[in-house]
Amino acid sequence: MNPQPRIFCAAINFQKLDNTSDKVLLEASLENEEASIQAIKANLGFSINQAAVIKKCNAIIIVITYFPDYTQDFLKGRLLSTWDDLCPKGLDNSYRYIKCYENEDAIKFLCECALGVNSVTPGDTQVLAQVCDALSDAGKMQHSDFPTLDYITNWVKSTALEAKRDTKLYDGNTSLERIAAELIGKNAKKSDTVAVVGLGRTGSLVTKILSEELKLNVVITNRSHDKVKDIAKKYSVKPIAYDDINSTTDASYIVLAIPENTETIQYVSGLYEKLHENASVVDLSSPSITAKLKTPKKVTVYDVEHLTRAASGIIASRKSELDKVRAIIAKSVPSVAVLLSREYGKFAVEKAKKHVGAKLDSHTLEVLRVRDWATRSIREFYNSQEFVEVTTPYIVGVSSDPPSIPPQTAP
């Protein structure tokens, strides 16, 4: 029996973010980069087909695909040990938050993450691209004979289309970043400039929506100059220096996407002193920085609480659709298992064909003619002496039959 593509993943996934979850995600962080992928494969201690790291605002997921039938305890032990070695501060504070999934359960979990079932905000439309891009990028980084991750990615996208067509989970906007960007887009003039302060996950996403989707004039700033250069190039926006308060406050809208601490409170206090009348500040920091400061006259502030109220009604209606999406995913999971089985069967047959010579050369044919002559001569001699030829069966070390790929059935 030929081995089948198998999938295993270990995940930290929070559906509510707070100081504890932020600390765990920071300490357990890994990047979906070639160096990380190769380090995972090198440190596991056994051969795998492919690996990927999916990193979202509320989750870190490591996925591996392989062929030998290892036990779940073995896979869990090796993968968590490798993760512990590679992440910045180890997994001492994270072990109890990690869950592991195998084969069809792993495929189902990945799809639920991609479709926003396991997100902080139900039906988060950003996560489909995050999950699929991570799987696709990881596949491109690795020279693998059988692209298991690509097949899973394509199936996830197909299932997402079905869920969007048949449910209302994705109706309305609930992402605070998107709500903030669309609030600005609704009120801003074409001549207005938006300054985004802070380029972590939140600031980068707001920059993307403002510049690419809403086509607004955007300037960005961040303490890390390298981060500014990367985002400016990626989204074709203008970078400004973090300490250039005047350039930041020239904007009609300022988006704060920085953590709340003593330093950032002082920084925003400096911005407040320079703000012109009728400016608007969108505070996406949590806890709110602007709540600790006195708002200047004629300046409008939209904080996280304001944005959350705009999303609360939509979130409540979306929760009733979660079971429908889970049912669509569960119904579709067996199909991807059958797909992987069928495609691997084709791959195994084609691989076997490469080892079969298409035509024998003249030297080989001559050797075979001599062997045929010798065999016939020996057989004719013994026949003339009234010997009886007996052919007995024997066991060979490898199968003489073509690969047999048993069909997968739903559990």
Protein backbone atom coordinates (compact mmCIF):
# COMPACT_ATOMS: atom_id res chain seq x y z
CA MET A 1 0.00 0.00 0.00
CA ASN A 2 1.35 3.41 -0.96
CA PRO A 3 1.61 6.15 1.68
CA GLN A 4 -1.00 8.93 1.58
CA PRO A 5 -0.44 12.67 2.10
CA ARG A 6 -1.05 13.42 5.78
CA ILE A 7 -1.48 16.74 7.55
CA PHE A 8 -0.71 17.78 11.13
CA CYS A 9 -0.89 21.21 12.73
CA ALA A 10 -0.20 22.75 16.12
CA ALA A 11 -1.99 26.01 16.85
CA ILE A 12 -2.42 28.81 19.34
CA ASN A 13 -5.74 30.48 18.50
CA PHE A 14 -7.43 33.09 20.68
CA GLN A 15 -10.96 34.31 20.07
CA LYS A 16 -10.52 37.15 22.54
CA LEU A 17 -7.45 39.38 22.74
CA ASP A 18 -6.12 40.79 25.99
CA ASN A 19 -2.77 41.31 27.71
CA THR A 20 -2.33 37.55 28.29
CA SER A 21 -3.04 36.57 24.69
CA ASP A 22 -0.81 39.36 23.36
CA LYS A 23 2.07 38.14 25.52
CA VAL A 24 1.61 34.48 24.50
CA LEU A 25 1.44 35.32 20.79
CA LEU A 26 4.51 37.54 21.03
CA GLU A 27 6.61 34.94 22.83
CA ALA A 28 5.55 32.07 20.53
CA SER A 29 5.92 34.08 17.34
CA LEU A 30 7.43 32.51 14.21
CA GLU A 31 7.59 33.97 10.70
CA ASN A 32 6.51 32.24 7.49
CA GLU A 33 9.95 32.74 5.95
CA GLU A 34 12.27 30.35 4.16
CA ALA A 35 14.72 30.31 7.07
CA SER A 36 11.94 29.33 9.51
CA ILE A 37 10.57 26.67 7.16
CA GLN A 38 13.99 25.09 6.67
CA ALA A 39 14.70 25.25 10.41
CA ILE A 40 11.43 23.43 11.16
CA LYS A 41 12.25 20.70 8.63
CA ALA A 42 15.82 20.37 9.89
CA ASN A 43 14.91 20.19 13.59
CA LEU A 44 11.93 17.84 13.49
CA GLY A 45 14.16 14.79 13.30
CA PHE A 46 12.15 13.04 10.57
CA SER A 47 11.40 13.67 6.91
CA ILE A 48 8.34 15.73 5.96
CA ASN A 49 6.82 16.83 2.68
CA GLN A 50 6.10 20.52 3.39
CA ALA A 51 5.79 22.99 6.27
CA ALA A 52 4.10 26.37 6.73
CA VAL A 53 3.64 29.01 9.43
CA ILE A 54 0.35 30.92 9.53
CA LYS A 55 0.54 34.08 11.64
CA LYS A 56 -2.55 36.19 12.33
CA CYS A 57 -3.41 38.84 14.92
CA ASN A 58 -5.04 36.16 17.10
CA ALA A 59 -3.25 32.98 16.08
CA ILE A 60 -0.01 31.20 15.23
CA ILE A 61 -0.34 27.89 13.39
CA ILE A 62 2.39 25.50 12.25
CA VAL A 63 1.38 23.04 9.52
CA ILE A 64 3.36 20.05 8.29
CA THR A 65 2.53 17.51 5.59
CA TYR A 66 4.16 14.10 5.49
CA PHE A 67 3.73 10.50 4.26
CA PRO A 68 4.75 7.87 6.87
CA ASP A 69 2.01 7.04 9.38
CA TYR A 70 3.41 8.49 12.63
CA THR A 71 1.44 8.51 15.88
CA GLN A 72 -0.10 11.78 17.04
CA ASP A 73 1.90 11.72 20.28
CA PHE A 74 5.16 11.44 18.32
CA LEU A 75 4.20 14.28 15.95
CA LYS A 76 3.03 16.51 18.78
CA GLY A 77 6.18 15.93 20.81
CA ARG A 78 8.57 16.59 17.93
CA LEU A 79 6.69 19.63 16.56
CA LEU A 80 6.28 21.35 19.92
CA SER A 81 9.92 20.69 20.79
CA THR A 82 10.97 22.25 17.49
CA TRP A 83 8.64 25.23 17.99
CA ASP A 84 10.03 25.72 21.49
CA ASP A 85 13.59 25.79 20.12
CA LEU A 86 12.83 28.26 17.33
CA CYS A 87 10.55 30.90 18.89
CA PRO A 88 12.18 33.88 20.64
CA LYS A 89 11.33 33.08 24.28
CA GLY A 90 10.33 29.43 24.14
CA LEU A 91 6.90 27.99 24.86
CA ASP A 92 6.98 27.97 28.67
CA ASN A 93 3.97 30.31 28.87
CA SER A 94 2.23 28.93 25.79
CA TYR A 95 2.00 25.13 26.09
CA ARG A 96 -1.43 25.12 27.69
CA TYR A 97 -2.87 27.21 24.85
CA ILE A 98 -1.65 24.90 22.06
CA LYS A 99 -4.03 22.47 20.38
CA CYS A 100 -3.07 19.88 17.78
CA TYR A 101 -5.07 18.55 14.84
CA GLU A 102 -4.40 15.63 12.50
CA ASN A 103 -5.45 14.79 8.92
CA GLU A 104 -9.13 15.62 8.30
CA ASP A 105 -9.40 17.44 11.66
CA ALA A 106 -6.38 19.54 10.65
CA ILE A 107 -7.89 20.36 7.25
CA LYS A 108 -11.18 21.30 8.89
CA PHE A 109 -9.45 23.53 11.47
CA LEU A 110 -7.42 25.35 8.79
CA CYS A 111 -10.56 26.00 6.75
CA GLU A 112 -12.46 27.27 9.80
CA CYS A 113 -9.60 29.68 10.51
CA ALA A 114 -9.54 30.87 6.89
CA LEU A 115 -13.31 31.44 6.82
CA GLY A 116 -13.34 33.48 10.03
CA VAL A 117 -15.04 30.91 12.24
CA ASN A 118 -12.17 31.01 14.76
CA SER A 119 -11.53 34.76 14.55
CA VAL A 120 -11.97 37.38 17.25
CA THR A 121 -14.64 38.88 15.02
CA PRO A 122 -16.84 36.20 13.38
CA GLY A 123 -16.63 36.24 9.61
CA ASP A 124 -13.45 38.36 9.49
CA THR A 125 -12.87 38.70 5.73
CA GLN A 126 -9.15 39.48 6.11
CA VAL A 127 -8.20 36.03 7.36
CA LEU A 128 -8.93 34.13 4.13
CA ALA A 129 -6.08 35.92 2.38
CA GLN A 130 -3.81 35.58 5.42
CA VAL A 131 -4.24 31.80 5.64
CA CYS A 132 -4.20 31.10 1.90
CA ASP A 133 -1.24 33.41 1.24
CA ALA A 134 0.76 31.78 4.04
CA LEU A 135 0.10 28.27 2.67
CA SER A 136 0.79 29.33 -0.90
CA ASP A 137 3.98 31.25 -0.03
CA ALA A 138 5.30 28.31 2.01
CA GLY A 139 4.66 25.97 -0.93
CA LYS A 140 6.67 28.23 -3.25
CA MET A 141 9.61 28.26 -0.82
CA GLN A 142 9.95 24.48 -0.87
CA HIS A 143 10.99 22.14 -3.66
CA SER A 144 8.46 19.39 -3.08
CA ASP A 145 7.50 16.57 -5.44
CA PHE A 146 3.89 16.63 -4.26
CA PRO A 147 2.30 20.07 -3.52
CA THR A 148 -0.06 19.12 -0.68
CA LEU A 149 -0.35 22.73 0.53
CA ASP A 150 -1.47 23.96 -2.90
CA TYR A 151 -4.30 21.43 -3.03
CA ILE A 152 -5.47 22.45 0.46
CA THR A 153 -5.28 26.16 -0.46
CA ASN A 154 -7.39 25.74 -3.59
CA TRP A 155 -9.97 23.71 -1.67
CA VAL A 156 -10.18 26.35 1.09
CA LYS A 157 -10.82 29.08 -1.50
CA SER A 158 -13.53 26.98 -3.14
CA THR A 159 -15.21 26.31 0.22
CA ALA A 160 -15.04 30.02 1.06
CA LEU A 161 -16.96 30.87 -2.11
CA GLU A 162 -19.68 28.38 -1.13
CA ALA A 163 -19.91 29.80 2.41
CA LYS A 164 -20.16 33.37 1.13
CA ARG A 165 -22.85 32.37 -1.33
CA ASP A 166 -25.00 30.34 1.08
CA THR A 167 -24.64 32.19 4.41
CA LYS A 168 -24.78 35.74 5.79
CA LEU A 169 -21.64 35.41 7.90
CA TYR A 170 -19.80 37.97 5.80
CA ASP A 171 -22.52 40.62 5.53
CA GLY A 172 -21.44 44.07 6.73
CA ASN A 173 -18.05 45.22 8.07
CA THR A 174 -16.86 44.25 11.54
CA SER A 175 -13.10 44.69 11.25
CA LEU A 176 -12.18 47.75 13.34
CA GLU A 177 -9.42 48.58 10.86
CA ARG A 178 -11.87 48.49 7.96
CA ILE A 179 -14.56 50.40 9.88
CA ALA A 180 -11.97 53.07 10.75
CA ALA A 181 -10.75 53.30 7.13
CA GLU A 182 -14.26 53.50 5.72
CA LEU A 183 -15.26 56.15 8.29
CA ILE A 184 -12.37 58.26 7.02
CA GLY A 185 -13.19 57.46 3.38
CA LYS A 186 -16.80 58.53 3.88
CA ASN A 187 -15.86 61.95 5.30
CA ALA A 188 -12.52 62.81 3.68
CA LYS A 189 -12.16 65.09 0.66
CA LYS A 190 -9.91 64.10 -2.23
CA SER A 191 -7.47 66.83 -1.22
CA ASP A 192 -7.24 65.56 2.39
CA THR A 193 -4.23 63.64 3.69
CA VAL A 194 -4.37 60.78 6.17
CA ALA A 195 -1.40 60.13 8.46
CA VAL A 196 -1.01 56.59 9.84
CA VAL A 197 1.15 56.45 12.97
CA GLY A 198 2.43 52.94 13.73
CA LEU A 199 2.89 50.14 11.18
CA GLY A 200 2.20 46.93 13.04
CA ARG A 201 -0.54 44.60 11.79
CA THR A 202 -3.26 47.21 12.44
CA GLY A 203 -1.44 50.19 10.92
CA SER A 204 -0.30 48.20 7.89
CA LEU A 205 -3.84 46.98 7.19
CA VAL A 206 -5.36 50.46 7.54
CA THR A 207 -2.68 51.81 5.18
CA LYS A 208 -3.52 49.13 2.64
CA ILE A 209 -7.27 49.87 2.70
CA LEU A 210 -6.83 53.65 2.62
CA SER A 211 -4.31 53.69 -0.22
CA GLU A 212 -5.27 50.72 -2.42
CA GLU A 213 -9.04 50.48 -1.98
CA LEU A 214 -10.12 54.02 -1.08
CA LYS A 215 -7.40 55.77 -3.13
CA LEU A 216 -6.70 58.41 -0.47
CA ASN A 217 -3.51 60.39 0.04
CA VAL A 218 -1.64 58.59 2.82
CA VAL A 219 1.54 59.36 4.72
CA ILE A 220 3.01 56.89 7.19
CA THR A 221 5.38 57.01 10.13
CA ASN A 222 6.84 54.50 12.55
CA ARG A 223 9.70 54.26 15.04
CA SER A 224 11.37 51.60 12.88
CA HIS A 225 12.67 53.28 9.72
CA ASP A 226 13.06 49.95 7.88
CA LYS A 227 9.38 49.17 8.46
CA VAL A 228 8.43 52.57 7.01
CA LYS A 229 10.48 51.96 3.86
CA ASP A 230 8.98 48.51 3.31
CA ILE A 231 5.35 49.63 3.71
CA ALA A 232 5.90 52.82 1.69
CA LYS A 233 7.24 50.78 -1.21
CA LYS A 234 4.58 48.10 -0.92
CA TYR A 235 1.59 50.48 -0.98
CA SER A 236 3.12 53.47 -2.80
CA VAL A 237 2.60 55.91 0.06
CA LYS A 238 4.79 58.72 1.41
CA PRO A 239 7.01 58.06 4.46
CA ILE A 240 7.71 60.74 7.05
CA ALA A 241 10.05 60.76 10.05
CA TYR A 242 8.56 59.66 13.39
CA ASP A 243 9.74 62.84 15.13
CA ASP A 244 8.48 65.12 12.33
CA ILE A 245 5.44 66.26 14.30
CA ASN A 246 4.65 69.12 11.91
CA SER A 247 4.34 66.85 8.86
CA THR A 248 2.13 64.41 10.79
CA THR A 249 -0.21 67.12 12.08
CA ASP A 250 -0.55 68.66 8.61
CA ALA A 251 -2.87 65.73 7.84
CA SER A 252 -6.64 66.14 8.15
CA TYR A 253 -6.95 62.66 9.66
CA ILE A 254 -4.48 60.94 12.00
CA VAL A 255 -4.77 57.21 12.67
CA LEU A 256 -3.07 56.05 15.88
CA ALA A 257 -2.05 52.38 15.59
CA ILE A 258 0.55 52.28 18.35
CA PRO A 259 0.57 50.52 21.75
CA GLU A 260 -0.44 52.49 24.81
CA ASN A 261 2.52 53.25 27.11
CA THR A 262 4.19 56.25 28.73
CA GLU A 263 6.25 57.05 25.64
CA THR A 264 3.33 56.90 23.19
CA ILE A 265 1.12 58.99 25.48
CA GLN A 266 3.81 61.70 25.49
CA TYR A 267 4.12 61.41 21.70
CA VAL A 268 0.37 61.85 21.12
CA SER A 269 0.35 64.74 23.63
CA GLY A 270 2.94 66.41 21.38
CA LEU A 271 0.69 65.81 18.36
CA TYR A 272 -2.26 67.38 20.19
CA GLU A 273 -0.29 70.60 20.71
CA LYS A 274 0.22 70.95 16.94
CA LEU A 275 -3.18 69.79 15.63
CA HIS A 276 -5.06 72.27 13.52
CA GLU A 277 -8.76 72.95 13.98
CA ASN A 278 -11.26 70.46 12.55
CA ALA A 279 -8.67 67.67 12.48
CA SER A 280 -9.86 64.13 13.23
CA VAL A 281 -8.02 61.48 15.24
CA VAL A 282 -8.89 57.78 14.89
CA ASP A 283 -7.48 55.98 17.92
CA LEU A 284 -7.05 52.23 17.33
CA SER A 285 -4.79 51.77 20.35
CA SER A 286 -6.06 49.48 23.10
CA PRO A 287 -6.33 50.72 25.82
CA SER A 288 -7.10 54.08 24.26
CA ILE A 289 -4.31 56.65 24.33
CA THR A 290 -6.62 59.59 23.65
CA ALA A 291 -8.74 58.72 26.71
CA LYS A 292 -5.78 59.73 28.88
CA LEU A 293 -5.47 63.15 27.27
CA LYS A 294 -7.66 66.22 27.03
CA THR A 295 -8.99 66.55 23.49
CA PRO A 296 -8.23 69.95 21.91
CA LYS A 297 -11.22 72.09 20.93
CA LYS A 298 -12.72 71.47 17.49
CA VAL A 299 -10.81 68.16 17.15
CA THR A 300 -12.90 65.01 16.66
CA VAL A 301 -11.72 61.74 18.21
CA TYR A 302 -12.97 58.27 17.24
CA ASP A 303 -11.66 55.62 19.65
CA VAL A 304 -11.97 51.82 19.76
CA GLU A 305 -15.19 52.01 21.80
CA HIS A 306 -16.82 54.21 19.16
CA LEU A 307 -15.75 51.86 16.36
CA THR A 308 -16.81 48.77 18.31
CA ARG A 309 -20.33 50.12 18.77
CA ALA A 310 -20.60 50.43 15.02
CA ALA A 311 -19.72 46.75 14.66
CA SER A 312 -21.64 45.25 17.61
CA GLY A 313 -24.98 44.80 15.85
CA ILE A 314 -23.36 43.12 12.85
CA ILE A 315 -21.34 40.79 15.10
CA ALA A 316 -24.49 39.62 16.91
CA SER A 317 -26.22 38.70 13.64
CA ARG A 318 -23.12 36.94 12.32
CA LYS A 319 -22.85 34.58 15.28
CA SER A 320 -26.11 32.90 14.26
CA GLU A 321 -24.49 31.97 10.93
CA LEU A 322 -21.42 30.22 12.38
CA ASP A 323 -23.04 26.77 12.59
CA LYS A 324 -24.05 26.99 8.93
CA VAL A 325 -20.46 27.67 7.88
CA ARG A 326 -19.16 24.86 10.09
CA ALA A 327 -21.63 22.48 8.43
CA ILE A 328 -20.48 23.52 4.94
CA ILE A 329 -16.86 22.93 5.91
CA ALA A 330 -17.56 19.55 7.56
CA LYS A 331 -19.49 18.38 4.51
CA SER A 332 -16.67 19.41 2.18
CA VAL A 333 -13.72 18.00 4.16
CA PRO A 334 -14.01 14.41 2.80
CA SER A 335 -13.78 15.77 -0.75
CA VAL A 336 -10.30 17.21 -0.19
CA ALA A 337 -9.17 13.89 1.34
CA VAL A 338 -10.38 12.08 -1.80
CA LEU A 339 -8.71 14.73 -3.98
CA LEU A 340 -5.36 14.28 -2.22
CA SER A 341 -5.64 10.50 -2.53
CA ARG A 342 -6.51 10.61 -6.22
CA GLU A 343 -3.84 13.16 -7.13
CA TYR A 344 -1.18 11.32 -5.16
CA GLY A 345 -2.13 8.11 -7.00
CA LYS A 346 -1.55 9.85 -10.33
CA PHE A 347 1.73 11.26 -9.05
CA ALA A 348 2.94 7.83 -7.85
CA VAL A 349 2.14 6.19 -11.19
CA GLU A 350 3.91 8.92 -13.19
CA LYS A 351 6.91 8.72 -10.88
CA ALA A 352 7.09 4.95 -11.38
CA LYS A 353 6.93 5.35 -15.17
CA LYS A 354 10.11 7.45 -15.12
CA HIS A 355 12.08 4.39 -14.01
CA VAL A 356 10.94 2.27 -17.00
CA GLY A 357 13.16 2.39 -20.10
CA ALA A 358 11.29 3.29 -23.27
CA LYS A 359 13.66 1.46 -25.66
CA LEU A 360 16.50 -1.03 -25.26
CA ASP A 361 19.84 -0.21 -26.88
CA SER A 362 21.57 -2.59 -29.34
CA HIS A 363 24.13 -3.83 -26.80
CA THR A 364 21.41 -4.83 -24.34
CA LEU A 365 19.47 -6.57 -27.11
CA GLU A 366 22.57 -8.59 -28.06
CA VAL A 367 23.08 -9.67 -24.45
CA LEU A 368 19.45 -10.78 -24.29
CA ARG A 369 19.83 -12.78 -27.54
CA VAL A 370 22.88 -14.62 -26.12
CA ARG A 371 21.05 -15.34 -22.87
CA ASP A 372 18.02 -16.60 -24.79
CA TRP A 373 20.24 -18.92 -26.90
CA ALA A 374 21.97 -20.29 -23.79
CA THR A 375 18.69 -20.84 -21.92
CA ARG A 376 17.08 -22.67 -24.86
CA SER A 377 20.18 -24.85 -25.37
CA ILE A 378 20.26 -25.87 -21.71
CA ARG A 379 16.52 -26.57 -21.66
CA GLU A 380 16.72 -28.68 -24.88
CA PHE A 381 19.62 -30.73 -23.46
CA TYR A 382 17.78 -31.55 -20.24
CA ASN A 383 14.57 -32.31 -22.16
CA SER A 384 16.47 -34.82 -24.28
CA GLN A 385 17.62 -36.50 -21.07
CA GLU A 386 13.98 -36.71 -19.88
CA PHE A 387 14.38 -34.22 -17.02
CA VAL A 388 11.24 -32.45 -15.71
CA GLU A 389 11.39 -28.65 -15.28
CA VAL A 390 9.72 -27.38 -12.10
CA THR A 391 9.01 -23.64 -11.46
CA THR A 392 8.38 -22.70 -7.82
CA PRO A 393 6.90 -19.40 -6.50
CA TYR A 394 9.11 -17.10 -4.43
CA ILE A 395 8.73 -13.85 -2.45
CA VAL A 396 10.21 -10.60 -3.73
CA GLY A 397 11.16 -7.59 -1.60
CA VAL A 398 9.02 -5.12 -3.56
CA SER A 399 5.57 -5.18 -5.10
CA SER A 400 5.37 -6.23 -8.73
CA ASP A 401 1.94 -4.61 -9.14
CA PRO A 402 1.14 -0.97 -10.03
CA PRO A 403 0.46 1.38 -7.10
CA SER A 404 -2.93 0.81 -5.53
CA ILE A 405 -4.51 3.89 -3.99
CA PRO A 406 -7.49 2.94 -1.80
CA PRO A 407 -10.38 5.44 -1.93
CA GLN A 408 -10.96 7.62 1.13
CA THR A 409 -14.41 7.62 2.66
CA ALA A 410 -16.13 10.07 4.93
CA PRO A 411 -15.93 9.25 8.65
